[in-house]
Protein backbone atom coordinates (compact mmCIF):
# COMPACT_ATOMS: atom_id res chain seq x y z
CA ILE A 1 3.20 -15.59 0.30
CA HIS A 2 0.97 -14.96 3.33
CA SER A 3 -2.49 -15.89 4.58
CA ASN A 4 -4.35 -18.41 2.52
CA GLY A 5 -1.83 -18.09 -0.26
CA ILE A 6 0.42 -20.46 1.74
CA TYR A 7 -1.73 -23.40 0.52
CA LEU A 8 -0.30 -23.01 -2.95
CA LEU A 9 3.12 -24.14 -1.67
CA LYS A 10 1.61 -26.62 0.82
CA ASN A 11 -0.43 -28.35 -1.94
CA ALA A 12 2.40 -28.19 -4.39
CA SER A 13 4.45 -30.42 -2.13
CA THR A 14 2.29 -33.32 -3.10
CA ASP A 15 0.60 -32.26 -6.35
CA GLU A 16 2.60 -32.68 -9.54
CA LYS A 17 0.17 -30.31 -11.40
CA LEU A 18 1.16 -27.51 -9.12
CA LYS A 19 4.86 -28.34 -9.00
CA ALA A 20 5.50 -27.77 -12.75
CA PRO A 21 4.37 -24.10 -13.04
CA LEU A 22 6.15 -23.22 -9.78
CA ALA A 23 9.36 -24.92 -10.98
CA SER A 24 9.01 -22.96 -14.14
CA LEU A 25 8.77 -19.70 -12.41
CA LYS A 26 11.67 -20.49 -10.17
CA ALA A 27 13.76 -21.33 -13.33
CA GLN A 28 12.93 -17.74 -14.45
CA ASN A 29 14.38 -16.50 -11.11
CA VAL A 30 10.95 -15.71 -9.49
CA GLY A 31 11.39 -15.80 -5.82
CA PHE A 32 8.73 -16.73 -3.24
CA GLU A 33 9.04 -15.18 0.22
CA VAL A 34 7.04 -16.85 2.86
CA CYS A 35 5.40 -15.17 5.95
CA ALA A 36 6.61 -16.65 9.25
CA ASN A 37 3.56 -15.32 10.97
CA THR A 38 1.30 -17.30 8.61
CA LEU A 39 3.21 -20.52 9.10
CA LYS A 40 2.89 -20.04 12.85
CA GLY A 41 -0.77 -19.06 12.75
CA LYS A 42 -1.84 -21.89 10.49
CA LYS A 43 0.50 -24.39 12.24
CA ILE A 44 2.30 -25.36 8.94
CA ALA A 45 5.88 -26.50 8.99
CA GLN A 46 8.38 -25.14 6.52
CA SER A 47 9.13 -28.76 5.60
CA ASP A 48 5.48 -29.10 4.47
CA LEU A 49 6.00 -26.58 1.79
CA TYR A 50 7.32 -27.04 -1.84
CA GLU A 51 10.99 -25.96 -2.00
CA VAL A 52 10.89 -23.35 0.70
CA PHE A 53 14.31 -22.69 2.39
CA ASP A 54 15.29 -20.69 5.44
CA GLU A 55 16.28 -17.75 3.39
CA ASP A 56 12.83 -17.65 1.83
CA ILE A 57 11.16 -16.93 5.21
CA VAL A 58 10.29 -13.29 6.20
CA PRO A 59 9.13 -12.42 9.64
CA SER A 60 5.91 -10.68 8.35
CA GLY A 61 4.50 -10.97 4.89
CA VAL A 62 2.48 -7.71 5.19
CA ALA A 63 5.56 -5.75 6.38
CA GLU A 64 7.64 -7.20 3.52
CA LEU A 65 5.02 -6.08 1.01
CA SER A 66 5.23 -2.59 2.53
CA HIS A 67 8.94 -2.68 2.35
CA LEU A 68 8.90 -3.67 -1.32
CA GLN A 69 6.35 -1.06 -2.19
CA GLN A 70 8.59 1.57 -0.79
CA GLN A 71 11.20 0.28 -3.18
CA GLY A 72 8.88 0.75 -6.12
CA TYR A 73 7.34 -2.60 -6.47
CA THR A 74 3.56 -2.98 -6.97
CA TYR A 75 1.39 -5.38 -5.11
CA ILE A 76 -1.48 -6.86 -7.19
CA LYS A 77 -3.99 -9.08 -5.55
CA PRO A 78 -6.31 -10.94 -7.89
């Protein structure tokens, strides 16, 4: 998660309607990786996010996307 997508996890920390679908995805082993550059740039603390742990933080979301695409993953942006 990078850029304005970070607000999904920030808002979910206090919004029960957002927590439920995220919890469901996590129960299906969906992982969320969070861009450290976004946290720094938007001055958001990791503790302000819904269930984000140290191992979920990547240095750069864009670089991580590129790395995953090289492994065969596809990036789809709605």
